[in-house]
Protein backbone atom coordinates (compact mmCIF):
# COMPACT_ATOMS: atom_id res chain seq x y z
CA UNK A 1 43.67 -29.07 -31.30
CA UNK A 2 44.66 -25.52 -30.47
CA UNK A 3 45.92 -23.07 -32.82
CA UNK A 4 46.21 -19.96 -31.19
CA UNK A 5 46.79 -16.42 -32.88
CA UNK A 6 47.76 -16.49 -36.97
CA UNK A 7 47.98 -14.39 -39.97
CA UNK A 8 47.50 -15.58 -43.31
CA UNK A 9 50.96 -16.13 -45.14
CA UNK A 10 51.33 -14.24 -48.60
CA UNK A 11 54.61 -14.02 -50.79
CA UNK A 12 54.33 -10.33 -50.69
CA UNK A 13 54.57 -9.87 -46.76
CA UNK A 14 56.60 -13.17 -45.99
CA UNK A 15 59.68 -11.34 -44.42
CA UNK A 16 57.05 -9.52 -42.33
CA UNK A 17 55.18 -12.41 -41.14
CA UNK A 18 58.76 -14.20 -40.07
CA UNK A 19 59.33 -10.93 -37.87
CA UNK A 20 56.04 -10.98 -35.95
CA UNK A 21 55.79 -11.90 -32.25
CA UNK A 22 53.62 -14.26 -31.03
CA UNK A 23 52.53 -15.67 -34.08
CA UNK A 24 51.53 -19.37 -33.55
CA UNK A 25 50.14 -20.54 -36.83
CA UNK A 26 50.03 -19.40 -40.55
CA UNK A 27 47.41 -19.94 -43.31
CA UNK A 28 48.63 -20.53 -47.02
CA UNK A 29 46.39 -20.59 -50.15
CA UNK A 30 46.50 -24.26 -51.23
CA UNK A 31 46.60 -23.04 -54.95
CA UNK A 32 49.49 -21.21 -54.39
CA UNK A 33 52.03 -23.94 -53.35
CA UNK A 34 54.00 -25.64 -55.35
CA UNK A 35 53.07 -29.84 -54.73
CA UNK A 36 56.57 -30.88 -54.09
CA UNK A 37 58.77 -27.92 -52.71
CA UNK A 38 57.77 -25.07 -50.20
CA UNK A 39 58.90 -21.58 -50.15
CA UNK A 40 61.95 -20.92 -47.89
CA UNK A 41 59.81 -18.87 -45.64
CA UNK A 42 57.26 -21.13 -44.74
CA UNK A 43 60.33 -23.98 -44.46
CA UNK A 44 61.73 -21.35 -41.88
CA UNK A 45 58.36 -21.22 -40.06
CA UNK A 46 57.87 -24.73 -39.65
CA UNK A 47 61.30 -25.68 -38.38
CA UNK A 48 60.30 -22.84 -35.73
CA UNK A 49 57.40 -24.81 -34.98
CA UNK A 50 54.64 -22.79 -36.24
CA UNK A 51 52.00 -24.74 -37.65
CA UNK A 52 51.35 -24.23 -41.76
CA UNK A 53 47.46 -24.79 -42.83
CA UNK A 54 46.41 -24.95 -46.76
CA UNK A 55 43.46 -23.08 -47.50
CA UNK A 56 41.76 -24.31 -50.69
CA UNK A 57 39.65 -21.78 -52.87
CA UNK A 58 38.99 -23.88 -55.99
CA UNK A 59 37.52 -26.85 -55.40
CA UNK A 60 33.73 -25.43 -55.36
CA UNK A 61 32.20 -28.02 -52.98
CA UNK A 62 29.08 -26.32 -53.00
CA UNK A 63 29.08 -26.52 -57.01
CA UNK A 64 26.49 -28.90 -58.84
CA UNK A 65 29.29 -31.26 -60.21
CA UNK A 66 31.33 -33.83 -57.73
CA UNK A 67 34.73 -32.56 -56.71
CA UNK A 68 37.12 -32.87 -59.23
CA UNK A 69 39.70 -35.81 -58.09
CA UNK A 70 42.74 -34.02 -59.47
CA UNK A 71 41.93 -31.17 -57.43
CA UNK A 72 41.58 -33.23 -54.35
CA UNK A 73 44.62 -34.92 -55.08
CA UNK A 74 46.52 -31.81 -55.00
CA UNK A 75 44.88 -30.28 -52.04
CA UNK A 76 46.08 -33.86 -50.00
CA UNK A 77 49.54 -33.49 -51.64
CA UNK A 78 49.71 -30.14 -49.64
CA UNK A 79 48.33 -31.13 -46.87
CA UNK A 80 50.96 -34.18 -46.42
CA UNK A 81 53.89 -31.62 -47.57
CA UNK A 82 53.08 -29.47 -44.62
CA UNK A 83 52.32 -31.85 -41.85
CA UNK A 84 49.01 -29.82 -41.24
CA UNK A 85 46.36 -30.91 -38.91
CA UNK A 86 43.72 -29.82 -40.76
CA UNK A 87 42.64 -28.04 -44.31
CA UNK A 88 39.96 -25.87 -45.11
CA UNK A 89 37.78 -24.90 -47.85
CA UNK A 90 34.69 -22.69 -48.66
CA UNK A 91 30.78 -23.43 -48.80
CA UNK A 92 30.73 -21.76 -52.39
CA UNK A 93 30.21 -22.58 -56.17
CA UNK A 94 33.43 -21.35 -58.29
CA UNK A 95 32.29 -22.75 -61.73
CA UNK A 96 28.94 -23.95 -63.68
CA UNK A 97 28.07 -25.33 -67.07
CA UNK A 98 29.58 -28.55 -68.42
CA UNK A 99 28.17 -31.93 -68.98
CA UNK A 100 25.42 -31.47 -66.42
CA UNK A 101 23.81 -28.46 -68.31
CA UNK A 102 25.06 -29.56 -71.91
CA UNK A 103 26.44 -26.11 -71.87
CA UNK A 104 30.26 -24.26 -72.27
CA UNK A 105 32.26 -24.56 -68.68
CA UNK A 106 31.68 -20.96 -66.99
CA UNK A 107 34.34 -20.00 -64.28
CA UNK A 108 33.58 -17.28 -61.57
CA UNK A 109 36.96 -16.39 -60.64
CA UNK A 110 35.59 -16.03 -57.40
CA UNK A 111 33.30 -17.57 -54.16
CA UNK A 112 29.83 -17.60 -54.96
CA UNK A 113 26.93 -18.27 -52.36
CA UNK A 114 25.00 -21.35 -52.47
CA UNK A 115 21.34 -21.17 -52.37
CA UNK A 116 20.25 -22.30 -48.90
CA UNK A 117 17.75 -24.87 -49.67
CA UNK A 118 17.60 -28.53 -49.06
CA UNK A 119 18.51 -29.27 -52.48
CA UNK A 120 21.71 -27.42 -52.39
CA UNK A 121 22.40 -28.83 -49.17
CA UNK A 122 22.04 -32.04 -49.99
CA UNK A 123 24.85 -31.68 -53.03
CA UNK A 124 26.62 -30.17 -50.82
CA UNK A 125 26.84 -32.69 -48.09
CA UNK A 126 27.48 -35.59 -50.71
CA UNK A 127 30.79 -33.50 -52.08
CA UNK A 128 31.85 -32.76 -48.61
CA UNK A 129 31.84 -36.37 -47.87
CA UNK A 130 33.94 -37.14 -51.03
CA UNK A 131 36.33 -34.62 -50.11
CA UNK A 132 36.68 -36.15 -46.76
CA UNK A 133 37.00 -39.53 -48.11
CA UNK A 134 39.82 -38.18 -50.18
CA UNK A 135 41.94 -35.89 -47.71
CA UNK A 136 44.92 -37.48 -45.25
CA UNK A 137 43.26 -34.91 -42.73
CA UNK A 138 40.15 -33.41 -41.27
CA UNK A 139 38.37 -30.62 -43.27
CA UNK A 140 36.88 -27.49 -42.45
CA UNK A 141 34.74 -25.27 -44.40
CA UNK A 142 34.02 -21.31 -44.36
CA UNK A 143 31.06 -19.39 -44.85
CA UNK A 144 31.54 -16.75 -47.45
CA UNK A 145 30.54 -12.91 -47.58
CA UNK A 146 28.13 -12.23 -50.49
CA UNK A 147 26.58 -9.44 -52.58
CA UNK A 148 23.64 -11.34 -53.37
CA UNK A 149 20.80 -13.73 -52.15
CA UNK A 150 19.27 -16.46 -53.90
CA UNK A 151 15.27 -16.24 -54.14
CA UNK A 152 13.34 -18.90 -52.16
CA UNK A 153 15.84 -19.83 -49.28
CA UNK A 154 14.50 -22.32 -47.04
CA UNK A 155 17.20 -22.09 -44.04
CA UNK A 156 19.19 -19.40 -42.51
CA UNK A 157 23.03 -19.21 -42.76
CA UNK A 158 23.01 -20.72 -39.11
CA UNK A 159 20.48 -23.61 -39.74
CA UNK A 160 22.18 -24.54 -42.65
CA UNK A 161 25.45 -24.82 -41.31
CA UNK A 162 24.10 -26.63 -38.42
CA UNK A 163 22.79 -28.78 -40.67
CA UNK A 164 26.02 -29.25 -42.94
CA UNK A 165 27.64 -30.02 -39.54
CA UNK A 166 25.34 -32.95 -38.19
CA UNK A 167 25.08 -34.53 -41.52
CA UNK A 168 28.81 -34.63 -42.12
CA UNK A 169 30.74 -33.95 -39.13
CA UNK A 170 32.53 -31.80 -40.86
CA UNK A 171 34.22 -28.62 -39.13
CA UNK A 172 33.89 -25.13 -39.49
CA UNK A 173 35.72 -22.09 -40.43
CA UNK A 174 33.91 -18.97 -39.17
CA UNK A 175 34.82 -15.44 -41.10
CA UNK A 176 33.34 -13.01 -38.62
CA UNK A 177 33.99 -10.21 -41.24
CA UNK A 178 31.69 -12.40 -43.99
CA UNK A 179 28.91 -12.42 -41.10
CA UNK A 180 29.43 -8.43 -41.10
CA UNK A 181 29.32 -8.43 -44.74
CA UNK A 182 26.15 -10.50 -45.09
CA UNK A 183 24.47 -8.19 -42.17
CA UNK A 184 24.96 -5.13 -44.27
CA UNK A 185 24.40 -6.56 -47.63
CA UNK A 186 21.75 -9.00 -46.99
CA UNK A 187 20.31 -7.89 -43.70
CA UNK A 188 21.36 -10.80 -41.99
CA UNK A 189 21.77 -10.79 -38.12
CA UNK A 190 25.28 -12.21 -37.30
CA UNK A 191 24.31 -12.85 -33.15
CA UNK A 192 21.41 -14.59 -34.67
CA UNK A 193 23.60 -16.84 -36.89
CA UNK A 194 26.14 -17.42 -34.01
CA UNK A 195 23.15 -18.46 -31.85
CA UNK A 196 22.01 -21.34 -34.37
CA UNK A 197 25.33 -22.54 -35.87
CA UNK A 198 27.10 -25.57 -33.80
CA UNK A 199 29.77 -23.32 -32.29
CA UNK A 200 31.49 -26.49 -30.91
CA UNK A 201 32.14 -27.37 -34.14
CA UNK A 202 34.55 -24.28 -34.92
CA UNK A 203 38.02 -24.99 -35.57
CA UNK A 204 39.21 -21.63 -36.38
CA UNK A 205 38.13 -18.16 -37.34
CA UNK A 206 38.83 -15.70 -39.78
CA UNK A 207 39.14 -11.77 -39.23
CA UNK A 208 39.48 -9.23 -42.35
CA UNK A 209 39.15 -5.71 -43.55
CA UNK A 210 36.38 -4.40 -45.84
CA UNK A 211 35.19 -1.08 -46.99
CA UNK A 212 31.41 0.01 -47.55
CA UNK A 213 30.85 1.73 -50.76
CA UNK A 214 27.46 3.04 -51.77
CA UNK A 215 25.77 1.01 -49.01
CA UNK A 216 27.39 -2.36 -50.08
CA UNK A 217 30.10 -3.89 -48.15
CA UNK A 218 32.98 -5.33 -50.11
CA UNK A 219 34.98 -7.75 -48.21
CA UNK A 220 38.60 -6.69 -49.98
CA UNK A 221 40.91 -8.04 -47.47
CA UNK A 222 42.80 -4.99 -48.40
CA UNK A 223 41.94 -2.81 -45.38
CA UNK A 224 42.36 -2.38 -41.87
CA UNK A 225 39.83 -4.79 -39.89
CA UNK A 226 36.97 -2.24 -38.67
CA UNK A 227 35.39 -2.21 -35.34
CA UNK A 228 32.21 -3.68 -36.39
CA UNK A 229 34.38 -6.92 -37.76
CA UNK A 230 35.64 -6.70 -34.09
CA UNK A 231 32.17 -6.68 -32.28
CA UNK A 232 31.03 -9.70 -34.26
CA UNK A 233 34.43 -11.40 -33.31
CA UNK A 234 33.40 -10.37 -29.67
CA UNK A 235 30.27 -11.79 -29.93
CA UNK A 236 31.55 -15.19 -31.27
CA UNK A 237 33.98 -15.23 -28.18
CA UNK A 238 31.33 -14.46 -25.51
CA UNK A 239 29.87 -17.84 -26.63
CA UNK A 240 32.83 -19.79 -27.28
CA UNK A 241 37.17 -20.04 -26.93
CA UNK A 242 37.76 -20.91 -30.53
CA UNK A 243 40.71 -23.03 -31.08
CA UNK A 244 42.33 -20.38 -33.53
CA UNK A 245 41.72 -17.05 -34.76
CA UNK A 246 43.73 -15.37 -38.07
CA UNK A 247 44.03 -12.34 -39.66
CA UNK A 248 43.67 -12.33 -43.44
CA UNK A 249 45.17 -9.77 -45.80
CA UNK A 250 45.48 -10.17 -49.71
CA UNK A 251 46.21 -6.83 -51.08
CA UNK A 252 47.36 -3.46 -50.21
CA UNK A 253 49.74 -4.90 -47.57
CA UNK A 254 50.83 -2.56 -44.83
CA UNK A 255 54.15 -2.15 -42.92
CA UNK A 256 54.48 -5.22 -40.80
CA UNK A 257 54.09 -2.68 -37.56
CA UNK A 258 50.49 -2.07 -39.11
CA UNK A 259 49.84 -6.18 -39.05
CA UNK A 260 50.98 -6.40 -35.61
CA UNK A 261 48.70 -3.55 -34.09
CA UNK A 262 45.75 -5.46 -36.27
CA UNK A 263 46.94 -8.70 -34.16
CA UNK A 264 46.97 -6.86 -31.12
CA UNK A 265 43.74 -5.59 -31.21
CA UNK A 266 42.13 -9.02 -32.23
CA UNK A 267 44.09 -9.88 -29.00
CA UNK A 268 42.60 -7.37 -27.01
CA UNK A 269 39.23 -8.10 -28.57
CA UNK A 270 39.02 -11.52 -27.17
CA UNK A 271 40.38 -10.65 -23.48
CA UNK A 272 37.50 -8.29 -23.18
CA UNK A 273 35.15 -10.60 -24.98
CA UNK A 274 35.85 -13.61 -22.67
CA UNK A 275 34.79 -12.18 -19.52
CA UNK A 276 31.21 -12.85 -20.91
CA UNK A 277 31.49 -16.79 -21.79
CA UNK A 278 28.81 -19.01 -20.73
CA UNK A 279 30.42 -22.17 -19.24
CA UNK A 280 30.96 -25.47 -21.02
CA UNK A 281 27.67 -27.36 -21.01
CA UNK A 282 27.69 -31.21 -20.10
CA UNK A 283 29.88 -32.97 -22.93
CA UNK A 284 31.97 -30.22 -23.71
CA UNK A 285 29.71 -27.72 -25.64
CA UNK A 286 29.42 -23.95 -25.28
CA UNK A 287 27.17 -21.79 -26.33
CA UNK A 288 24.84 -18.84 -24.92
CA UNK A 289 22.11 -19.33 -22.54
CA UNK A 290 19.68 -18.18 -25.45
CA UNK A 291 21.07 -20.76 -27.85
CA UNK A 292 20.68 -23.96 -25.73
CA UNK A 293 21.99 -27.22 -26.23
CA UNK A 294 21.87 -29.13 -29.29
CA UNK A 295 20.63 -32.38 -28.98
CA UNK A 296 19.57 -33.23 -32.79
CA UNK A 297 18.62 -31.98 -36.29
CA UNK A 298 14.95 -32.53 -36.03
CA UNK A 299 14.93 -30.53 -32.02
CA UNK A 300 17.31 -27.76 -33.91
CA UNK A 301 14.29 -27.16 -36.66
CA UNK A 302 11.80 -26.94 -33.98
CA UNK A 303 13.93 -24.66 -31.81
CA UNK A 304 14.52 -22.27 -34.90
CA UNK A 305 10.94 -22.53 -36.25
CA UNK A 306 12.16 -24.38 -39.58
CA UNK A 307 9.75 -27.62 -40.28
CA UNK A 308 11.49 -30.55 -41.34
CA UNK A 309 11.70 -30.98 -45.23
CA UNK A 310 8.66 -32.38 -46.87
CA UNK A 311 8.55 -36.19 -47.56
CA UNK A 312 9.85 -36.77 -51.51
CA UNK A 313 9.76 -39.93 -53.10
CA UNK A 314 13.39 -41.11 -52.92
CA UNK A 315 14.92 -38.30 -50.56
CA UNK A 316 17.64 -39.59 -48.30
CA UNK A 317 18.86 -36.96 -45.97
CA UNK A 318 22.63 -38.00 -46.30
CA UNK A 319 22.42 -38.50 -49.98
CA UNK A 320 20.95 -36.72 -52.75
CA UNK A 321 19.81 -39.90 -54.75
CA UNK A 322 18.83 -39.41 -58.32
CA UNK A 323 20.64 -37.14 -60.57
CA UNK A 324 17.58 -34.62 -60.66
CA UNK A 325 19.07 -32.76 -57.35
CA UNK A 326 22.33 -32.13 -58.94
CA UNK A 327 20.55 -31.37 -62.35
CA UNK A 328 18.61 -28.86 -60.95
CA UNK A 329 21.29 -27.53 -58.73
CA UNK A 330 23.32 -27.41 -61.93
CA UNK A 331 20.76 -25.26 -64.29
CA UNK A 332 19.96 -22.86 -61.30
CA UNK A 333 23.71 -21.81 -60.75
CA UNK A 334 24.51 -22.03 -64.56
CA UNK A 335 21.84 -19.70 -65.18
CA UNK A 336 23.16 -17.34 -62.35
CA UNK A 337 26.92 -17.24 -63.47
CA UNK A 338 25.95 -16.88 -66.71
CA UNK A 339 24.28 -13.72 -66.16
CA UNK A 340 27.07 -12.64 -64.14
CA UNK A 341 30.06 -13.09 -66.77
CA UNK A 342 28.27 -13.66 -69.92
CA UNK A 343 25.63 -11.06 -69.98
CA UNK A 344 22.21 -13.45 -69.93
CA UNK A 345 19.38 -12.32 -68.86
CA UNK A 346 19.04 -12.49 -64.89
CA UNK A 347 17.12 -15.59 -63.45
CA UNK A 348 13.93 -14.62 -61.94
CA UNK A 349 13.83 -13.37 -58.07
CA UNK A 350 17.28 -12.17 -58.09
CA UNK A 351 17.91 -8.49 -57.32
CA UNK A 352 18.94 -7.07 -60.20
CA UNK A 353 20.71 -4.10 -59.05
CA UNK A 354 22.66 -6.59 -56.97
CA UNK A 355 23.64 -8.46 -59.81
CA UNK A 356 25.12 -5.78 -61.67
CA UNK A 357 27.35 -5.00 -58.46
CA UNK A 358 28.42 -8.57 -58.38
CA UNK A 359 29.19 -8.47 -62.12
CA UNK A 360 31.06 -5.44 -62.00
CA UNK A 361 33.25 -6.92 -59.10
CA UNK A 362 33.77 -10.16 -60.59
CA UNK A 363 35.20 -8.43 -63.48
CA UNK A 364 37.48 -6.12 -61.45
CA UNK A 365 38.73 -8.86 -59.56
CA UNK A 366 39.72 -10.90 -62.68
CA UNK A 367 41.36 -7.86 -63.93
CA UNK A 368 43.50 -7.16 -60.70
CA UNK A 369 44.34 -11.19 -60.76
CA UNK A 370 45.21 -10.61 -64.65
CA UNK A 371 47.53 -8.03 -63.63
CA UNK A 372 49.46 -9.89 -60.92
CA UNK A 373 49.82 -12.87 -63.51
CA UNK A 374 50.82 -10.62 -66.35
CA UNK A 375 52.19 -7.49 -64.67
CA UNK A 376 53.46 -6.72 -68.65
CA UNK A 377 50.27 -5.92 -69.31
CA UNK A 378 49.21 -3.09 -67.59
CA UNK A 379 52.71 -1.90 -67.75
CA UNK A 380 52.63 -1.98 -71.73
CA UNK A 381 48.81 -0.54 -71.63
CA UNK A 382 49.33 1.92 -69.02
CA UNK A 383 46.20 3.63 -68.02
CA UNK A 384 44.41 1.79 -70.72
CA UNK A 385 44.64 -1.47 -69.34
CA UNK A 386 41.82 -1.59 -66.99
CA UNK A 387 39.16 -0.06 -69.63
CA UNK A 388 40.34 -2.05 -71.88
CA UNK A 389 40.40 -5.53 -69.80
CA UNK A 390 36.98 -4.50 -68.50
CA UNK A 391 35.63 -4.31 -71.89
CA UNK A 392 36.79 -7.43 -73.08
CA UNK A 393 35.81 -9.12 -69.96
CA UNK A 394 32.37 -8.16 -70.72
CA UNK A 395 32.29 -10.56 -73.68
CA UNK A 396 34.52 -13.49 -73.02
CA UNK A 397 33.59 -14.94 -69.53
CA UNK A 398 36.51 -16.44 -67.75
CA UNK A 399 36.75 -20.71 -68.81
CA UNK A 400 40.29 -21.57 -68.01
CA UNK A 401 43.10 -20.39 -66.06
CA UNK A 402 44.38 -16.48 -65.66
CA UNK A 403 47.55 -17.49 -67.64
CA UNK A 404 45.27 -18.20 -70.55
CA UNK A 405 43.08 -15.07 -70.10
CA UNK A 406 46.04 -13.14 -70.22
CA UNK A 407 46.86 -14.27 -73.34
CA UNK A 408 43.74 -14.24 -75.19
CA UNK A 409 43.28 -10.47 -73.85
CA UNK A 410 46.42 -9.59 -75.23
CA UNK A 411 45.25 -11.35 -78.58
CA UNK A 412 41.85 -9.58 -78.50
CA UNK A 413 43.49 -6.66 -78.21
CA UNK A 414 46.11 -7.10 -80.92
CA UNK A 415 43.38 -8.07 -83.25
CA UNK A 416 41.38 -5.10 -82.71
CA UNK A 417 44.42 -2.87 -83.99
CA UNK A 418 45.34 -1.87 -80.47
CA UNK A 419 47.40 -0.17 -78.80
CA UNK A 420 47.48 2.90 -80.66
CA UNK A 421 50.70 3.42 -79.73
CA UNK A 422 53.20 1.87 -82.10
CA UNK A 423 56.00 1.10 -79.35
CA UNK A 424 53.13 -0.42 -77.02
CA UNK A 425 52.02 -2.57 -79.89
CA UNK A 426 55.35 -3.90 -80.63
CA UNK A 427 55.92 -4.58 -77.27
CA UNK A 428 52.68 -6.11 -76.71
CA UNK A 429 53.11 -8.28 -79.69
CA UNK A 430 56.27 -9.52 -78.32
CA UNK A 431 55.20 -10.46 -75.45
CA UNK A 432 52.11 -12.55 -77.00
CA UNK A 433 54.49 -14.38 -79.40
CA UNK A 434 56.97 -15.29 -76.94
CA UNK A 435 54.14 -16.94 -74.29
CA UNK A 436 51.66 -18.41 -76.90
CA UNK A 437 53.99 -20.90 -78.46
CA UNK A 438 52.95 -22.84 -81.48
CA UNK A 439 49.40 -21.16 -82.90
CA UNK A 440 46.50 -23.58 -81.86
CA UNK A 441 44.73 -25.43 -84.37
CA UNK A 442 41.92 -22.78 -85.76
CA UNK A 443 42.94 -19.92 -84.40
CA UNK A 444 42.81 -17.11 -87.17
CA UNK A 445 45.27 -15.61 -89.00
CA UNK A 446 44.73 -11.80 -88.17
CA UNK A 447 46.80 -11.93 -85.30
CA UNK A 448 49.79 -13.53 -86.88
CA UNK A 449 49.59 -10.91 -90.10
CA UNK A 450 49.24 -8.17 -87.70
CA UNK A 451 52.17 -9.25 -85.99
CA UNK A 452 54.09 -9.84 -88.71
CA UNK A 453 52.87 -6.13 -90.06
CA UNK A 454 54.63 -4.80 -86.98
CA UNK A 455 57.53 -6.46 -86.49
CA UNK A 456 58.58 -6.45 -89.98
CA UNK A 457 57.50 -2.58 -91.06
CA UNK A 458 58.11 -0.85 -87.81
């Protein structure tokens, strides 16, 4: 399946994407598409023969829980609606808590790294197989960018991906910007990862921009693609000719001419790197001479210096078996997420400074998303929106959707007596009442009294 050169379709740049020359395909965030109809822009692109691939962000296949059937059904419906040749998701967890830990459900609002351990791999593989059985087209999974790493990891990123592919047959979506991010933040060598992973399993490649602040690389998707990211793309292209390469941009969208320039830089990088490509080996596989041919999991472990997992009673490589594996994963992920979003003590072995960076990044992203979902809030609160939301987020973990989060934040501000400006307070009160509907059982009456005082007395 040859995809070619593509770009991430977003509503904010729909017109620019349609006008770009040489676009073979686009990728759309699955959760942002309605299940029964497509935006007019995507309809026109499909009529022109442009392939549209849905890219999921909310399954959390690396989480301790089995995939939610409703989310899987929604992703399958979008695949059918688009007539796509494949769907993609991430190797990440996005929520924790719940029945497995008898604790409140917590949402990260972001993709968090899975521990590269045999336990976590077992859980991930079973979740992937459940997803594969539920989807009408093949699935490809993306490596993510990380600010933090788990203590006691047993595999490198390349080894983890190779094991995942061998056990499940899943395809890979390799994000070269994420490989660069992990190089800066975690000291992981992108070339080593590319040598270890099965490049023949790559479905397509992501390229995106970011920015470095205080020695930490932030994968923003809001900055131009940097030279180091293009260098990783060249490393990958020297090993294999990927079926597709896609430019991602999610914020601070530039004019169409700048997007075209970034696509041209990607094309030029691929052309230059192609001259160093090693010819295909027997059986159609490709790779560097150093990487060699992959003939099995045990041989791969021997080559990379990773021992076979120690035998354990009831352990089956293809199935987590007893609930204990999921339980251990659930406890570990819940402890980490709780430290990041609820201020609980950091789990042992983690870098506390990096956890603080990640925690601030999660809160900042949450503030940005709420501002997009409810743009009236920053308009009403002005410069006070961001500090007020960050203060609120520190004591109120995300447990539902962002629209609910926006309402709860507005309620929190009003109950606390804000905003100080009476006009802004009146506007925020009207906004909250218009969207909150009937008062839920058990809600405090303080907000209703405050609202009555504002509406009657002002």
